[in-house]
Amino acid sequence: MENFESSITEILEVDSVELNDELDSFDAWDSLAVLSIIALCDSEYKVELSRDEIENSETVNGLKELIKSKM
């Protein structure tokens, strides 16, 4: 998961993210961002996530830990 933060940075259209950042605090956090994360997880990590799982993870770190738990 070495490129996780850079991938999330691209999806959220920001210069950087911190692990404790709340996902819904980003201007680009919308249904397209969620779909992009679903696609990223499927292609890069071979993990299937639901929209609810992503939204319930709340923070960048919560999302990262969710992905790790399913790998």
Protein backbone atom coordinates (compact mmCIF):
# COMPACT_ATOMS: atom_id res chain seq x y z
CA MET A 1 0.00 0.00 0.00
CA GLU A 2 2.94 2.26 -0.59
CA ASN A 3 1.08 4.43 -3.13
CA PHE A 4 -2.17 4.63 -1.18
CA GLU A 5 -1.85 8.25 -0.04
CA SER A 6 -0.82 9.49 -3.49
CA SER A 7 -3.76 7.67 -5.09
CA ILE A 8 -6.19 9.17 -2.58
CA THR A 9 -4.61 12.58 -3.14
CA GLU A 10 -5.36 12.27 -6.87
CA ILE A 11 -8.92 11.07 -6.33
CA LEU A 12 -9.65 13.90 -3.88
CA GLU A 13 -7.93 16.47 -6.12
CA VAL A 14 -5.69 17.88 -3.38
CA ASP A 15 -1.95 18.38 -2.93
CA SER A 16 -1.66 16.11 0.10
CA VAL A 17 -3.66 14.16 2.66
CA GLU A 18 -3.02 13.32 6.30
CA LEU A 19 -4.15 10.01 7.73
CA ASN A 20 -6.43 11.72 10.25
CA ASP A 21 -8.20 13.86 7.61
CA GLU A 22 -11.94 13.27 7.48
CA LEU A 23 -13.02 12.14 4.04
CA ASP A 24 -16.10 14.35 3.92
CA SER A 25 -13.97 17.43 4.62
CA PHE A 26 -12.65 17.41 1.04
CA ASP A 27 -14.43 19.46 -1.61
CA ALA A 28 -14.11 16.60 -4.10
CA TRP A 29 -15.68 14.05 -1.72
CA ASP A 30 -18.74 12.92 -3.66
CA SER A 31 -20.18 9.84 -5.34
CA LEU A 32 -17.55 10.00 -8.09
CA ALA A 33 -14.76 9.93 -5.48
CA VAL A 34 -16.38 6.91 -3.84
CA LEU A 35 -16.62 5.13 -7.20
CA SER A 36 -12.99 5.99 -7.90
CA ILE A 37 -11.96 4.48 -4.56
CA ILE A 38 -13.97 1.34 -5.33
CA ALA A 39 -12.18 1.06 -8.68
CA LEU A 40 -8.77 1.72 -7.08
CA CYS A 41 -9.32 -0.97 -4.45
CA ASP A 42 -10.44 -3.47 -7.06
CA SER A 43 -7.58 -2.85 -9.50
CA GLU A 44 -4.68 -2.16 -7.13
CA TYR A 45 -5.50 -4.22 -4.05
CA LYS A 46 -7.95 -6.85 -5.36
CA VAL A 47 -10.38 -5.81 -2.63
CA GLU A 48 -14.10 -5.20 -3.04
CA LEU A 49 -15.59 -2.39 -0.97
CA SER A 50 -19.14 -1.11 -0.79
CA ARG A 51 -20.13 2.53 -0.78
CA ASP A 52 -21.32 2.16 2.82
CA GLU A 53 -18.01 0.65 3.96
CA ILE A 54 -16.10 3.54 2.41
CA GLU A 55 -18.37 6.20 3.86
CA ASN A 56 -18.32 4.56 7.31
CA SER A 57 -14.52 4.58 7.37
CA GLU A 58 -14.71 8.38 7.96
CA THR A 59 -10.96 9.18 7.74
CA VAL A 60 -8.14 8.50 5.30
CA ASN A 61 -6.61 6.15 7.87
CA GLY A 62 -9.94 4.43 8.46
CA LEU A 63 -10.16 3.78 4.74
CA LYS A 64 -6.59 2.48 4.65
CA GLU A 65 -7.24 0.14 7.58
CA LEU A 66 -10.46 -1.09 5.98
CA ILE A 67 -8.59 -2.01 2.81
CA LYS A 68 -5.81 -3.71 4.80
CA SER A 69 -8.39 -5.75 6.74
CA LYS A 70 -9.75 -7.17 3.49
CA MET A 71 -6.43 -7.99 1.85
